[in-house]
Amino acid sequence: MARFHLGNGARVERLNWMGDPSLKGIKQSFGLMVNYLYDLKRLDRQRTQLAEGRIAVAASIEDLQF
């Protein structure tokens, strides 16, 4: 799913802890779900960034990096 959205120029906008608490959700993604944002003015730039190995993320997601 991520490859589809990111490949189309979306950015990771929000992480949802326990967004999918089903057994399948826990097994596949530890229960995390992601919301993507399509900013039409930035699609081409974000596709280019992805091709360079950089994923476009919201500032609130960048703050989570450690």
C-alpha atoms as a PDB file:
ATOM      1  CA  MET A   1       0.000   0.000   0.000  1.00  0.00           C
ATOM      2  CA  ALA A   2       2.778   2.461   0.893  1.00  0.00           C
ATOM      3  CA  ARG A   3       4.575   1.902  -2.401  1.00  0.00           C
ATOM      4  CA  PHE A   4       1.380   2.774  -4.282  1.00  0.00           C
ATOM      5  CA  HIS A   5       0.716   6.032  -2.432  1.00  0.00           C
ATOM      6  CA  LEU A   6       4.335   7.172  -2.194  1.00  0.00           C
ATOM      7  CA  GLY A   7       4.952   6.252  -5.822  1.00  0.00           C
ATOM      8  CA  ASN A   8       2.048   8.476  -6.795  1.00  0.00           C
ATOM      9  CA  GLY A   9       3.560  11.443  -4.966  1.00  0.00           C
ATOM     10  CA  ALA A  10       1.764  11.336  -1.629  1.00  0.00           C
ATOM     11  CA  ARG A  11       3.496  12.069   1.654  1.00  0.00           C
ATOM     12  CA  VAL A  12       3.163  10.268   4.972  1.00  0.00           C
ATOM     13  CA  GLU A  13       0.902  12.581   6.923  1.00  0.00           C
ATOM     14  CA  ARG A  14       0.006  10.685  10.076  1.00  0.00           C
ATOM     15  CA  LEU A  15       0.757   7.438  11.915  1.00  0.00           C
ATOM     16  CA  ASN A  16      -2.119   5.807  13.751  1.00  0.00           C
ATOM     17  CA  TRP A  17      -1.056   3.613  16.655  1.00  0.00           C
ATOM     18  CA  MET A  18      -3.348   0.586  16.877  1.00  0.00           C
ATOM     19  CA  GLY A  19      -5.182   1.725  13.758  1.00  0.00           C
ATOM     20  CA  ASP A  20      -5.616  -1.970  12.906  1.00  0.00           C
ATOM     21  CA  PRO A  21      -5.702  -4.031  16.103  1.00  0.00           C
ATOM     22  CA  SER A  22      -6.818  -7.200  14.303  1.00  0.00           C
ATOM     23  CA  LEU A  23      -4.546 -10.243  14.417  1.00  0.00           C
ATOM     24  CA  LYS A  24      -3.673  -9.667  10.761  1.00  0.00           C
ATOM     25  CA  GLY A  25      -2.947  -5.966  11.431  1.00  0.00           C
ATOM     26  CA  ILE A  26      -0.709  -6.777  14.386  1.00  0.00           C
ATOM     27  CA  LYS A  27       1.141  -9.427  12.408  1.00  0.00           C
ATOM     28  CA  GLN A  28       1.623  -7.318   9.266  1.00  0.00           C
ATOM     29  CA  SER A  29       2.296  -3.866  10.722  1.00  0.00           C
ATOM     30  CA  PHE A  30       2.267  -4.075  14.521  1.00  0.00           C
ATOM     31  CA  GLY A  31      -1.182  -2.452  14.380  1.00  0.00           C
ATOM     32  CA  LEU A  32       0.073   0.756  12.753  1.00  0.00           C
ATOM     33  CA  MET A  33      -1.858   2.455   9.987  1.00  0.00           C
ATOM     34  CA  VAL A  34      -0.738   5.421   7.897  1.00  0.00           C
ATOM     35  CA  ASN A  35      -2.637   8.367   6.442  1.00  0.00           C
ATOM     36  CA  TYR A  36      -1.262   9.822   3.222  1.00  0.00           C
ATOM     37  CA  LEU A  37      -1.712  13.362   1.901  1.00  0.00           C
ATOM     38  CA  TYR A  38      -1.794  14.212  -1.785  1.00  0.00           C
ATOM     39  CA  ASP A  39      -0.692  17.835  -2.210  1.00  0.00           C
ATOM     40  CA  LEU A  40      -1.220  18.447  -5.913  1.00  0.00           C
ATOM     41  CA  LYS A  41       1.419  21.182  -5.989  1.00  0.00           C
ATOM     42  CA  ARG A  42       4.096  18.820  -4.642  1.00  0.00           C
ATOM     43  CA  LEU A  43       3.377  15.495  -6.354  1.00  0.00           C
ATOM     44  CA  ASP A  44       6.186  15.720  -8.920  1.00  0.00           C
ATOM     45  CA  ARG A  45       8.751  16.872  -6.354  1.00  0.00           C
ATOM     46  CA  GLN A  46       7.812  14.095  -3.948  1.00  0.00           C
ATOM     47  CA  ARG A  47       7.984  11.444  -6.690  1.00  0.00           C
ATOM     48  CA  THR A  48      11.475  12.700  -7.526  1.00  0.00           C
ATOM     49  CA  GLN A  49      12.482  12.559  -3.861  1.00  0.00           C
ATOM     50  CA  LEU A  50      11.246   8.976  -3.653  1.00  0.00           C
ATOM     51  CA  ALA A  51      13.316   8.043  -6.716  1.00  0.00           C
ATOM     52  CA  GLU A  52      16.322   9.473  -4.840  1.00  0.00           C
ATOM     53  CA  GLY A  53      15.533   7.311  -1.807  1.00  0.00           C
ATOM     54  CA  ARG A  54      13.852   9.970   0.329  1.00  0.00           C
ATOM     55  CA  ILE A  55      10.285   9.567   1.553  1.00  0.00           C
ATOM     56  CA  ALA A  56       8.168  12.704   1.912  1.00  0.00           C
ATOM     57  CA  VAL A  57       6.748  12.980   5.426  1.00  0.00           C
ATOM     58  CA  ALA A  58       4.892  15.624   7.426  1.00  0.00           C
ATOM     59  CA  ALA A  59       6.891  17.683   9.931  1.00  0.00           C
ATOM     60  CA  SER A  60       5.158  15.899  12.804  1.00  0.00           C
ATOM     61  CA  ILE A  61       6.496  12.579  11.482  1.00  0.00           C
ATOM     62  CA  GLU A  62      10.025  13.961  11.069  1.00  0.00           C
ATOM     63  CA  ASP A  63       9.957  14.895  14.755  1.00  0.00           C
ATOM     64  CA  LEU A  64       9.523  11.190  15.614  1.00  0.00           C
ATOM     65  CA  GLN A  65      12.868  10.177  14.116  1.00  0.00           C
ATOM     66  CA  PHE A  66      15.541   9.125  16.558  1.00  0.00           C
END
